[in-house]
PDB file of N, CA and C in Angstrom:
ATOM      1  N   MET A   1       0.811  -1.186   0.000  1.00  0.00           N
ATOM      2  CA  MET A   1       0.000   0.000   0.000  1.00  0.00           C
ATOM      3  C   MET A   1       0.864   1.265   0.000  1.00  0.00           C
ATOM      4  N   ASP A   2       1.955   1.235   0.764  1.00  0.00           N
ATOM      5  CA  ASP A   2       2.848   2.390   0.809  1.00  0.00           C
ATOM      6  C   ASP A   2       3.512   2.619  -0.542  1.00  0.00           C
ATOM      7  N   LEU A   3       3.846   1.536  -1.226  1.00  0.00           N
ATOM      8  CA  LEU A   3       4.473   1.638  -2.540  1.00  0.00           C
ATOM      9  C   LEU A   3       3.516   2.275  -3.544  1.00  0.00           C
ATOM     10  N   LEU A   4       2.256   1.906  -3.468  1.00  0.00           N
ATOM     11  CA  LEU A   4       1.247   2.478  -4.358  1.00  0.00           C
ATOM     12  C   LEU A   4       1.074   3.975  -4.102  1.00  0.00           C
ATOM     13  N   ALA A   5       1.131   4.375  -2.856  1.00  0.00           N
ATOM     14  CA  ALA A   5       1.010   5.791  -2.505  1.00  0.00           C
ATOM     15  C   ALA A   5       2.211   6.584  -3.023  1.00  0.00           C
ATOM     16  N   ILE A   6       3.401   6.011  -2.932  1.00  0.00           N
ATOM     17  CA  ILE A   6       4.608   6.677  -3.416  1.00  0.00           C
ATOM     18  C   ILE A   6       4.556   6.834  -4.929  1.00  0.00           C
ATOM     19  N   ILE A   7       4.126   5.770  -5.622  1.00  0.00           N
ATOM     20  CA  ILE A   7       4.007   5.841  -7.086  1.00  0.00           C
ATOM     21  C   ILE A   7       2.982   6.903  -7.477  1.00  0.00           C
ATOM     22  N   TYR A   8       1.874   6.958  -6.778  1.00  0.00           N
ATOM     23  CA  TYR A   8       0.835   7.951  -7.051  1.00  0.00           C
ATOM     24  C   TYR A   8       1.373   9.371  -6.866  1.00  0.00           C
ATOM     25  N   ILE A   9       2.100   9.592  -5.812  1.00  0.00           N
ATOM     26  CA  ILE A   9       2.671  10.916  -5.545  1.00  0.00           C
ATOM     27  C   ILE A   9       3.696  11.287  -6.623  1.00  0.00           C
ATOM     28  N   LEU A  10       4.527  10.329  -7.032  1.00  0.00           N
ATOM     29  CA  LEU A  10       5.519  10.599  -8.076  1.00  0.00           C
ATOM     30  C   LEU A  10       4.848  10.928  -9.404  1.00  0.00           C
ATOM     31  N   VAL A  11       3.774  10.224  -9.734  1.00  0.00           N
ATOM     32  CA  VAL A  11       3.037  10.509 -10.969  1.00  0.00           C
ATOM     33  C   VAL A  11       2.433  11.911 -10.904  1.00  0.00           C
ATOM     34  N   LEU A  12       1.902  12.284  -9.784  1.00  0.00           N
ATOM     35  CA  LEU A  12       1.344  13.636  -9.625  1.00  0.00           C
ATOM     36  C   LEU A  12       2.421  14.709  -9.762  1.00  0.00           C
ATOM     37  N   ILE A  13       3.589  14.454  -9.186  1.00  0.00           N
ATOM     38  CA  ILE A  13       4.690  15.418  -9.285  1.00  0.00           C
ATOM     39  C   ILE A  13       5.135  15.552 -10.738  1.00  0.00           C
ATOM     40  N   ILE A  14       5.254  14.441 -11.446  1.00  0.00           N
ATOM     41  CA  ILE A  14       5.648  14.483 -12.857  1.00  0.00           C
ATOM     42  C   ILE A  14       4.615  15.236 -13.672  1.00  0.00           C
ATOM     43  N   PHE A  15       3.342  14.959 -13.441  1.00  0.00           N
ATOM     44  CA  PHE A  15       2.273  15.664 -14.144  1.00  0.00           C
ATOM     45  C   PHE A  15       2.334  17.164 -13.861  1.00  0.00           C
ATOM     46  N   PHE A  16       2.561  17.527 -12.608  1.00  0.00           N
ATOM     47  CA  PHE A  16       2.663  18.942 -12.244  1.00  0.00           C
ATOM     48  C   PHE A  16       3.852  19.613 -12.945  1.00  0.00           C
ATOM     49  N   LEU A  17       4.987  18.936 -13.009  1.00  0.00           N
ATOM     50  CA  LEU A  17       6.164  19.509 -13.666  1.00  0.00           C
ATOM     51  C   LEU A  17       5.932  19.709 -15.163  1.00  0.00           C
ATOM     52  N   ILE A  18       5.271  18.746 -15.804  1.00  0.00           N
ATOM     53  CA  ILE A  18       4.963  18.886 -17.229  1.00  0.00           C
ATOM     54  C   ILE A  18       3.998  20.038 -17.452  1.00  0.00           C
ATOM     55  N   ALA A  19       2.978  20.135 -16.623  1.00  0.00           N
ATOM     56  CA  ALA A  19       2.017  21.237 -16.748  1.00  0.00           C
ATOM     57  C   ALA A  19       2.699  22.584 -16.515  1.00  0.00           C
ATOM     58  N   PHE A  20       3.597  22.634 -15.551  1.00  0.00           N
ATOM     59  CA  PHE A  20       4.325  23.873 -15.275  1.00  0.00           C
ATOM     60  C   PHE A  20       5.218  24.267 -16.452  1.00  0.00           C
ATOM     61  N   ALA A  21       5.879  23.273 -17.062  1.00  0.00           N
ATOM     62  CA  ALA A  21       6.730  23.552 -18.227  1.00  0.00           C
ATOM     63  C   ALA A  21       5.900  24.074 -19.384  1.00  0.00           C
ATOM     64  N   ILE A  22       4.746  23.471 -19.630  1.00  0.00           N
ATOM     65  CA  ILE A  22       3.864  23.948 -20.707  1.00  0.00           C
ATOM     66  C   ILE A  22       3.377  25.359 -20.403  1.00  0.00           C
ATOM     67  N   PHE A  23       3.040  25.626 -19.152  1.00  0.00           N
ATOM     68  CA  PHE A  23       2.625  26.972 -18.763  1.00  0.00           C
ATOM     69  C   PHE A  23       3.735  27.991 -19.020  1.00  0.00           C
ATOM     70  N   GLN A  24       4.971  27.639 -18.684  1.00  0.00           N
ATOM     71  CA  GLN A  24       6.099  28.551 -18.905  1.00  0.00           C
ATOM     72  C   GLN A  24       6.322  28.819 -20.390  1.00  0.00           C
ATOM     73  N   ILE A  25       6.194  27.776 -21.203  1.00  0.00           N
ATOM     74  CA  ILE A  25       6.379  27.936 -22.648  1.00  0.00           C
ATOM     75  C   ILE A  25       5.300  28.849 -23.221  1.00  0.00           C
ATOM     76  N   LYS A  26       4.062  28.620 -22.812  1.00  0.00           N
ATOM     77  CA  LYS A  26       2.957  29.444 -23.318  1.00  0.00           C
ATOM     78  C   LYS A  26       3.028  30.870 -22.802  1.00  0.00           C
ATOM     79  N   SER A  27       3.489  31.044 -21.576  1.00  0.00           N
ATOM     80  CA  SER A  27       3.593  32.404 -21.037  1.00  0.00           C
ATOM     81  C   SER A  27       4.718  33.195 -21.702  1.00  0.00           C
ATOM     82  N   ALA A  28       5.670  32.480 -22.309  1.00  0.00           N
ATOM     83  CA  ALA A  28       6.739  33.145 -23.051  1.00  0.00           C
ATOM     84  C   ALA A  28       6.272  33.527 -24.458  1.00  0.00           C
ATOM     85  N   GLY A  29       5.039  33.156 -24.802  1.00  0.00           N
ATOM     86  CA  GLY A  29       4.490  33.529 -26.099  1.00  0.00           C
ATOM     87  C   GLY A  29       4.795  32.538 -27.207  1.00  0.00           C
ATOM     88  N   MET A  30       5.119  31.318 -26.845  1.00  0.00           N
ATOM     89  CA  MET A  30       5.454  30.308 -27.846  1.00  0.00           C
ATOM     90  C   MET A  30       4.422  29.191 -27.824  1.00  0.00           C
ATOM     91  N   LYS A  31       4.421  28.445 -28.896  1.00  0.00           N
ATOM     92  CA  LYS A  31       3.634  27.221 -28.933  1.00  0.00           C
ATOM     93  C   LYS A  31       4.546  26.076 -28.519  1.00  0.00           C
ATOM     94  N   VAL A  32       3.963  25.057 -27.926  1.00  0.00           N
ATOM     95  CA  VAL A  32       4.754  23.904 -27.479  1.00  0.00           C
ATOM     96  C   VAL A  32       5.405  23.231 -28.682  1.00  0.00           C
ATOM     97  N   LYS A  33       4.698  23.164 -29.796  1.00  0.00           N
ATOM     98  CA  LYS A  33       5.255  22.550 -31.002  1.00  0.00           C
ATOM     99  C   LYS A  33       6.481  23.330 -31.489  1.00  0.00           C
ATOM    100  N   ASP A  34       6.403  24.664 -31.466  1.00  0.00           N
ATOM    101  CA  ASP A  34       7.544  25.478 -31.871  1.00  0.00           C
ATOM    102  C   ASP A  34       8.741  25.262 -30.947  1.00  0.00           C
ATOM    103  N   PHE A  35       8.471  25.117 -29.664  1.00  0.00           N
ATOM    104  CA  PHE A  35       9.554  24.886 -28.715  1.00  0.00           C
ATOM    105  C   PHE A  35      10.199  23.532 -28.963  1.00  0.00           C
ATOM    106  N   TRP A  36       9.389  22.505 -29.234  1.00  0.00           N
ATOM    107  CA  TRP A  36       9.931  21.182 -29.514  1.00  0.00           C
ATOM    108  C   TRP A  36      10.755  21.203 -30.800  1.00  0.00           C
ATOM    109  N   THR A  37      10.271  21.934 -31.812  1.00  0.00           N
ATOM    110  CA  THR A  37      11.010  22.075 -33.057  1.00  0.00           C
ATOM    111  C   THR A  37      12.341  22.780 -32.799  1.00  0.00           C
ATOM    112  N   PHE A  38      12.346  23.761 -31.911  1.00  0.00           N
ATOM    113  CA  PHE A  38      13.569  24.465 -31.540  1.00  0.00           C
ATOM    114  C   PHE A  38      14.571  23.508 -30.886  1.00  0.00           C
ATOM    115  N   ILE A  39      14.085  22.632 -30.025  1.00  0.00           N
ATOM    116  CA  ILE A  39      14.972  21.661 -29.371  1.00  0.00           C
ATOM    117  C   ILE A  39      15.636  20.776 -30.421  1.00  0.00           C
ATOM    118  N   LYS A  40      14.859  20.271 -31.365  1.00  0.00           N
ATOM    119  CA  LYS A  40      15.417  19.441 -32.432  1.00  0.00           C
ATOM    120  C   LYS A  40      16.375  20.249 -33.310  1.00  0.00           C
ATOM    121  N   ALA A  41      16.008  21.486 -33.612  1.00  0.00           N
ATOM    122  CA  ALA A  41      16.852  22.335 -34.452  1.00  0.00           C
ATOM    123  C   ALA A  41      18.167  22.661 -33.757  1.00  0.00           C
ATOM    124  N   ASN A  42      18.143  22.751 -32.464  1.00  0.00           N
ATOM    125  CA  ASN A  42      19.368  23.020 -31.715  1.00  0.00           C
ATOM    126  C   ASN A  42      20.348  21.860 -31.863  1.00  0.00           C
ATOM    127  N   GLN A  43      19.840  20.642 -31.858  1.00  0.00           N
ATOM    128  CA  GLN A  43      20.689  19.473 -32.082  1.00  0.00           C
ATOM    129  C   GLN A  43      21.236  19.481 -33.507  1.00  0.00           C
ATOM    130  N   THR A  44      20.390  19.837 -34.461  1.00  0.00           N
ATOM    131  CA  THR A  44      20.819  19.912 -35.854  1.00  0.00           C
ATOM    132  C   THR A  44      21.861  21.002 -36.033  1.00  0.00           C
ATOM    133  N   LEU A  45      21.693  22.121 -35.321  1.00  0.00           N
ATOM    134  CA  LEU A  45      22.662  23.214 -35.395  1.00  0.00           C
ATOM    135  C   LEU A  45      24.041  22.742 -34.961  1.00  0.00           C
ATOM    136  N   ASP A  46      24.099  21.951 -33.899  1.00  0.00           N
ATOM    137  CA  ASP A  46      25.385  21.422 -33.445  1.00  0.00           C
ATOM    138  C   ASP A  46      26.043  20.574 -34.532  1.00  0.00           C
ATOM    139  N   LYS A  47      25.259  19.750 -35.203  1.00  0.00           N
ATOM    140  CA  LYS A  47      25.795  18.905 -36.271  1.00  0.00           C
ATOM    141  C   LYS A  47      26.259  19.746 -37.458  1.00  0.00           C
ATOM    142  N   LEU A  48      25.450  20.735 -37.834  1.00  0.00           N
ATOM    143  CA  LEU A  48      25.827  21.594 -38.954  1.00  0.00           C
ATOM    144  C   LEU A  48      27.062  22.419 -38.638  1.00  0.00           C
ATOM    145  N   TYR A  49      27.178  22.853 -37.400  1.00  0.00           N
ATOM    146  CA  TYR A  49      28.348  23.625 -36.983  1.00  0.00           C
ATOM    147  C   TYR A  49      29.614  22.778 -37.106  1.00  0.00           C
ATOM    148  N   ALA A  50      29.543  21.546 -36.606  1.00  0.00           N
ATOM    149  CA  ALA A  50      30.698  20.651 -36.717  1.00  0.00           C
ATOM    150  C   ALA A  50      31.000  20.351 -38.184  1.00  0.00           C
ATOM    151  N   PHE A  51      29.971  20.169 -38.968  1.00  0.00           N
ATOM    152  CA  PHE A  51      30.144  19.890 -40.388  1.00  0.00           C
ATOM    153  C   PHE A  51      30.767  21.074 -41.112  1.00  0.00           C
ATOM    154  N   SER A  52      30.324  22.288 -40.776  1.00  0.00           N
ATOM    155  CA  SER A  52      30.859  23.474 -41.450  1.00  0.00           C
ATOM    156  C   SER A  52      32.315  23.726 -41.080  1.00  0.00           C
ATOM    157  N   LYS A  53      32.718  23.323 -39.893  1.00  0.00           N
ATOM    158  CA  LYS A  53      34.109  23.480 -39.478  1.00  0.00           C
ATOM    159  C   LYS A  53      35.009  22.427 -40.109  1.00  0.00           C
ATOM    160  N   LYS A  54      34.457  21.246 -40.335  1.00  0.00           N
ATOM    161  CA  LYS A  54      35.251  20.122 -40.793  1.00  0.00           C
ATOM    162  C   LYS A  54      35.495  20.150 -42.299  1.00  0.00           C
ATOM    163  N   TYR A  55      34.501  20.517 -43.051  1.00  0.00           N
ATOM    164  CA  TYR A  55      34.584  20.419 -44.502  1.00  0.00           C
ATOM    165  C   TYR A  55      34.585  21.798 -45.148  1.00  0.00           C
ATOM    166  N   GLU A  56      35.604  22.065 -45.899  1.00  0.00           N
ATOM    167  CA  GLU A  56      35.699  23.320 -46.636  1.00  0.00           C
ATOM    168  C   GLU A  56      35.096  23.180 -48.026  1.00  0.00           C
ATOM    169  N   LYS A  57      35.358  22.080 -48.665  1.00  0.00           N
ATOM    170  CA  LYS A  57      34.892  21.834 -50.026  1.00  0.00           C
ATOM    171  C   LYS A  57      33.798  20.782 -49.973  1.00  0.00           C
ATOM    172  N   LEU A  58      32.587  21.160 -50.348  1.00  0.00           N
ATOM    173  CA  LEU A  58      31.458  20.240 -50.326  1.00  0.00           C
ATOM    174  C   LEU A  58      31.044  19.887 -51.745  1.00  0.00           C
ATOM    175  N   SER A  59      30.586  18.666 -51.916  1.00  0.00           N
ATOM    176  CA  SER A  59      30.053  18.278 -53.223  1.00  0.00           C
ATOM    177  C   SER A  59      28.715  18.970 -53.428  1.00  0.00           C
ATOM    178  N   SER A  60      28.219  18.914 -54.623  1.00  0.00           N
ATOM    179  CA  SER A  60      26.951  19.567 -54.940  1.00  0.00           C
ATOM    180  C   SER A  60      25.812  18.994 -54.100  1.00  0.00           C
ATOM    181  N   GLN A  61      25.788  17.696 -53.934  1.00  0.00           N
ATOM    182  CA  GLN A  61      24.746  17.049 -53.149  1.00  0.00           C
ATOM    183  C   GLN A  61      24.858  17.436 -51.672  1.00  0.00           C
ATOM    184  N   GLU A  62      26.068  17.480 -51.149  1.00  0.00           N
ATOM    185  CA  GLU A  62      26.271  17.881 -49.761  1.00  0.00           C
ATOM    186  C   GLU A  62      25.852  19.334 -49.543  1.00  0.00           C
ATOM    187  N   GLN A  63      26.083  20.177 -50.537  1.00  0.00           N
ATOM    188  CA  GLN A  63      25.664  21.571 -50.433  1.00  0.00           C
ATOM    189  C   GLN A  63      24.146  21.681 -50.330  1.00  0.00           C
ATOM    190  N   VAL A  64      23.443  20.926 -51.162  1.00  0.00           N
ATOM    191  CA  VAL A  64      21.980  20.972 -51.147  1.00  0.00           C
ATOM    192  C   VAL A  64      21.447  20.492 -49.800  1.00  0.00           C
ATOM    193  N   ILE A  65      22.030  19.419 -49.279  1.00  0.00           N
ATOM    194  CA  ILE A  65      21.603  18.901 -47.974  1.00  0.00           C
ATOM    195  C   ILE A  65      21.893  19.918 -46.883  1.00  0.00           C
ATOM    196  N   PHE A  66      23.076  20.513 -46.918  1.00  0.00           N
ATOM    197  CA  PHE A  66      23.442  21.522 -45.918  1.00  0.00           C
ATOM    198  C   PHE A  66      22.477  22.701 -45.965  1.00  0.00           C
ATOM    199  N   LEU A  67      22.166  23.176 -47.168  1.00  0.00           N
ATOM    200  CA  LEU A  67      21.260  24.314 -47.314  1.00  0.00           C
ATOM    201  C   LEU A  67      19.870  23.993 -46.777  1.00  0.00           C
ATOM    202  N   ALA A  68      19.355  22.810 -47.076  1.00  0.00           N
ATOM    203  CA  ALA A  68      18.022  22.426 -46.606  1.00  0.00           C
ATOM    204  C   ALA A  68      17.978  22.321 -45.084  1.00  0.00           C
ATOM    205  N   GLU A  69      18.980  21.687 -44.501  1.00  0.00           N
ATOM    206  CA  GLU A  69      19.038  21.543 -43.043  1.00  0.00           C
ATOM    207  C   GLU A  69      19.192  22.913 -42.373  1.00  0.00           C
ATOM    208  N   ALA A  70      20.020  23.760 -42.941  1.00  0.00           N
ATOM    209  CA  ALA A  70      20.237  25.086 -42.360  1.00  0.00           C
ATOM    210  C   ALA A  70      18.957  25.917 -42.414  1.00  0.00           C
ATOM    211  N   GLU A  71      18.204  25.823 -43.500  1.00  0.00           N
ATOM    212  CA  GLU A  71      16.947  26.571 -43.599  1.00  0.00           C
ATOM    213  C   GLU A  71      15.945  26.115 -42.548  1.00  0.00           C
ATOM    214  N   GLU A  72      15.906  24.818 -42.256  1.00  0.00           N
ATOM    215  CA  GLU A  72      15.031  24.312 -41.195  1.00  0.00           C
ATOM    216  C   GLU A  72      15.448  24.862 -39.837  1.00  0.00           C
ATOM    217  N   VAL A  73      16.758  24.904 -39.597  1.00  0.00           N
ATOM    218  CA  VAL A  73      17.262  25.442 -38.334  1.00  0.00           C
ATOM    219  C   VAL A  73      16.908  26.925 -38.214  1.00  0.00           C
ATOM    220  N   PHE A  74      17.131  27.690 -39.275  1.00  0.00           N
ATOM    221  CA  PHE A  74      16.837  29.121 -39.231  1.00  0.00           C
ATOM    222  C   PHE A  74      15.351  29.363 -38.984  1.00  0.00           C
ATOM    223  N   SER A  75      14.509  28.562 -39.598  1.00  0.00           N
ATOM    224  CA  SER A  75      13.074  28.697 -39.413  1.00  0.00           C
ATOM    225  C   SER A  75      12.670  28.419 -37.964  1.00  0.00           C
ATOM    226  N   ALA A  76      13.209  27.359 -37.391  1.00  0.00           N
ATOM    227  CA  ALA A  76      12.885  27.009 -36.007  1.00  0.00           C
ATOM    228  C   ALA A  76      13.405  28.058 -35.027  1.00  0.00           C
ATOM    229  N   PHE A  77      14.595  28.582 -35.269  1.00  0.00           N
ATOM    230  CA  PHE A  77      15.165  29.576 -34.366  1.00  0.00           C
ATOM    231  C   PHE A  77      14.410  30.908 -34.452  1.00  0.00           C
ATOM    232  N   SER A  78      13.815  31.191 -35.596  1.00  0.00           N
ATOM    233  CA  SER A  78      13.087  32.454 -35.734  1.00  0.00           C
ATOM    234  C   SER A  78      11.767  32.450 -34.970  1.00  0.00           C
ATOM    235  N   LYS A  79      11.284  31.274 -34.581  1.00  0.00           N
ATOM    236  CA  LYS A  79       9.996  31.172 -33.901  1.00  0.00           C
ATOM    237  C   LYS A  79      10.096  31.268 -32.389  1.00  0.00           C
ATOM    238  N   VAL A  80      11.303  31.315 -31.857  1.00  0.00           N
ATOM    239  CA  VAL A  80      11.469  31.399 -30.409  1.00  0.00           C
ATOM    240  C   VAL A  80      12.195  32.698 -30.060  1.00  0.00           C
ATOM    241  N   PRO A  81      12.008  33.185 -28.832  1.00  0.00           N
ATOM    242  CA  PRO A  81      12.696  34.422 -28.426  1.00  0.00           C
ATOM    243  C   PRO A  81      14.214  34.274 -28.477  1.00  0.00           C
ATOM    244  N   ASP A  82      14.876  35.367 -28.790  1.00  0.00           N
ATOM    245  CA  ASP A  82      16.335  35.367 -28.923  1.00  0.00           C
ATOM    246  C   ASP A  82      17.045  34.984 -27.626  1.00  0.00           C
ATOM    247  N   MET A  83      16.455  35.314 -26.493  1.00  0.00           N
ATOM    248  CA  MET A  83      17.128  35.032 -25.226  1.00  0.00           C
ATOM    249  C   MET A  83      17.284  33.535 -24.967  1.00  0.00           C
ATOM    250  N   LEU A  84      16.499  32.698 -25.653  1.00  0.00           N
ATOM    251  CA  LEU A  84      16.631  31.256 -25.473  1.00  0.00           C
ATOM    252  C   LEU A  84      17.872  30.695 -26.136  1.00  0.00           C
ATOM    253  N   TRP A  85      18.340  31.351 -27.168  1.00  0.00           N
ATOM    254  CA  TRP A  85      19.483  30.793 -27.892  1.00  0.00           C
ATOM    255  C   TRP A  85      20.672  31.740 -27.963  1.00  0.00           C
ATOM    256  N   GLU A  86      20.797  32.602 -26.969  1.00  0.00           N
ATOM    257  CA  GLU A  86      21.945  33.521 -26.919  1.00  0.00           C
ATOM    258  C   GLU A  86      23.272  32.772 -26.865  1.00  0.00           C
ATOM    259  N   GLU A  87      23.318  31.679 -26.133  1.00  0.00           N
ATOM    260  CA  GLU A  87      24.583  30.939 -25.996  1.00  0.00           C
ATOM    261  C   GLU A  87      24.939  30.168 -27.264  1.00  0.00           C
ATOM    262  N   GLU A  88      23.979  29.986 -28.152  1.00  0.00           N
ATOM    263  CA  GLU A  88      24.222  29.301 -29.417  1.00  0.00           C
ATOM    264  C   GLU A  88      24.476  30.284 -30.557  1.00  0.00           C
ATOM    265  N   TYR A  89      24.579  31.553 -30.237  1.00  0.00           N
ATOM    266  CA  TYR A  89      24.694  32.595 -31.259  1.00  0.00           C
ATOM    267  C   TYR A  89      25.918  32.407 -32.152  1.00  0.00           C
ATOM    268  N   THR A  90      27.056  32.062 -31.584  1.00  0.00           N
ATOM    269  CA  THR A  90      28.263  31.918 -32.401  1.00  0.00           C
ATOM    270  C   THR A  90      28.125  30.746 -33.384  1.00  0.00           C
ATOM    271  N   LYS A  91      27.554  29.642 -32.907  1.00  0.00           N
ATOM    272  CA  LYS A  91      27.325  28.506 -33.811  1.00  0.00           C
ATOM    273  C   LYS A  91      26.349  28.894 -34.916  1.00  0.00           C
ATOM    274  N   TYR A  92      25.305  29.595 -34.525  1.00  0.00           N
ATOM    275  CA  TYR A  92      24.288  30.032 -35.485  1.00  0.00           C
ATOM    276  C   TYR A  92      24.920  30.909 -36.562  1.00  0.00           C
ATOM    277  N   MET A  93      25.765  31.836 -36.154  1.00  0.00           N
ATOM    278  CA  MET A  93      26.395  32.747 -37.111  1.00  0.00           C
ATOM    279  C   MET A  93      27.384  32.009 -38.018  1.00  0.00           C
ATOM    280  N   GLU A  94      28.105  31.048 -37.473  1.00  0.00           N
ATOM    281  CA  GLU A  94      29.030  30.255 -38.300  1.00  0.00           C
ATOM    282  C   GLU A  94      28.269  29.479 -39.373  1.00  0.00           C
ATOM    283  N   VAL A  95      27.174  28.858 -38.974  1.00  0.00           N
ATOM    284  CA  VAL A  95      26.360  28.109 -39.936  1.00  0.00           C
ATOM    285  C   VAL A  95      25.733  29.068 -40.947  1.00  0.00           C
ATOM    286  N   LEU A  96      25.285  30.224 -40.479  1.00  0.00           N
ATOM    287  CA  LEU A  96      24.709  31.225 -41.384  1.00  0.00           C
ATOM    288  C   LEU A  96      25.746  31.709 -42.396  1.00  0.00           C
ATOM    289  N   ASN A  97      26.960  31.945 -41.960  1.00  0.00           N
ATOM    290  CA  ASN A  97      28.023  32.379 -42.871  1.00  0.00           C
ATOM    291  C   ASN A  97      28.335  31.305 -43.903  1.00  0.00           C
ATOM    292  N   LYS A  98      28.411  30.060 -43.459  1.00  0.00           N
ATOM    293  CA  LYS A  98      28.651  28.955 -44.395  1.00  0.00           C
ATOM    294  C   LYS A  98      27.483  28.838 -45.375  1.00  0.00           C
ATOM    295  N   TYR A  99      26.271  29.017 -44.872  1.00  0.00           N
ATOM    296  CA  TYR A  99      25.066  28.984 -45.709  1.00  0.00           C
ATOM    297  C   TYR A  99      25.148  30.073 -46.785  1.00  0.00           C
ATOM    298  N   LYS A 100      25.511  31.270 -46.372  1.00  0.00           N
ATOM    299  CA  LYS A 100      25.629  32.383 -47.329  1.00  0.00           C
ATOM    300  C   LYS A 100      26.720  32.106 -48.356  1.00  0.00           C
ATOM    301  N   ASP A 101      27.855  31.575 -47.906  1.00  0.00           N
ATOM    302  CA  ASP A 101      28.950  31.254 -48.829  1.00  0.00           C
ATOM    303  C   ASP A 101      28.506  30.234 -49.880  1.00  0.00           C
ATOM    304  N   ILE A 102      27.809  29.208 -49.441  1.00  0.00           N
ATOM    305  CA  ILE A 102      27.348  28.186 -50.379  1.00  0.00           C
ATOM    306  C   ILE A 102      26.337  28.772 -51.349  1.00  0.00           C
ATOM    307  N   ARG A 103      25.427  29.603 -50.845  1.00  0.00           N
ATOM    308  CA  ARG A 103      24.419  30.221 -51.719  1.00  0.00           C
ATOM    309  C   ARG A 103      25.080  31.102 -52.780  1.00  0.00           C
ATOM    310  N   VAL A 104      26.064  31.895 -52.367  1.00  0.00           N
ATOM    311  CA  VAL A 104      26.764  32.765 -53.316  1.00  0.00           C
ATOM    312  C   VAL A 104      27.544  31.916 -54.334  1.00  0.00           C
ATOM    313  N   MET A 105      28.207  30.877 -53.849  1.00  0.00           N
ATOM    314  CA  MET A 105      28.986  30.021 -54.734  1.00  0.00           C
ATOM    315  C   MET A 105      28.076  29.324 -55.760  1.00  0.00           C
ATOM    316  N   ARG A 106      26.932  28.848 -55.303  1.00  0.00           N
ATOM    317  CA  ARG A 106      25.998  28.182 -56.216  1.00  0.00           C
ATOM    318  C   ARG A 106      25.362  29.185 -57.188  1.00  0.00           C
ATOM    319  N   TRP A 107      25.127  30.410 -56.717  1.00  0.00           N
ATOM    320  CA  TRP A 107      24.535  31.429 -57.569  1.00  0.00           C
ATOM    321  C   TRP A 107      25.518  31.849 -58.672  1.00  0.00           C
ATOM    322  N   THR A 108      26.790  32.009 -58.310  1.00  0.00           N
ATOM    323  CA  THR A 108      27.779  32.430 -59.303  1.00  0.00           C
ATOM    324  C   THR A 108      28.098  31.309 -60.291  1.00  0.00           C
ATOM    325  N   SER A 109      27.956  30.057 -59.857  1.00  0.00           N
ATOM    326  CA  SER A 109      28.245  28.957 -60.777  1.00  0.00           C
ATOM    327  C   SER A 109      27.125  28.748 -61.797  1.00  0.00           C
ATOM    328  N   ASN A 110      25.925  29.233 -61.476  1.00  0.00           N
ATOM    329  CA  ASN A 110      24.808  29.104 -62.426  1.00  0.00           C
ATOM    330  C   ASN A 110      24.897  30.253 -63.364  1.00  0.00           C
TER     331      ASN A 110
END
């Protein structure tokens, strides 16, 4: 019986924490879906940042993939307040610069 009471209390605490997190997200003026997309985009940003540092010369196919992934990241980051991703600003700018370089290179080659 004591174990059942402890499990019940833990479930209530977890439910309360989830509700509180959703309340905080909504009070910041965001949708929960946008916040979740931002979390995923933040992981993608880390991968793109490492990729942009590692590879200077990309094949045409790699450029297209990089551009598509970067556009998704930029879209997700634009939907959340800037204060949430201040610490990721340098990575964001590096990926943005690489994105611009690839766009210019592809534009001049056409």
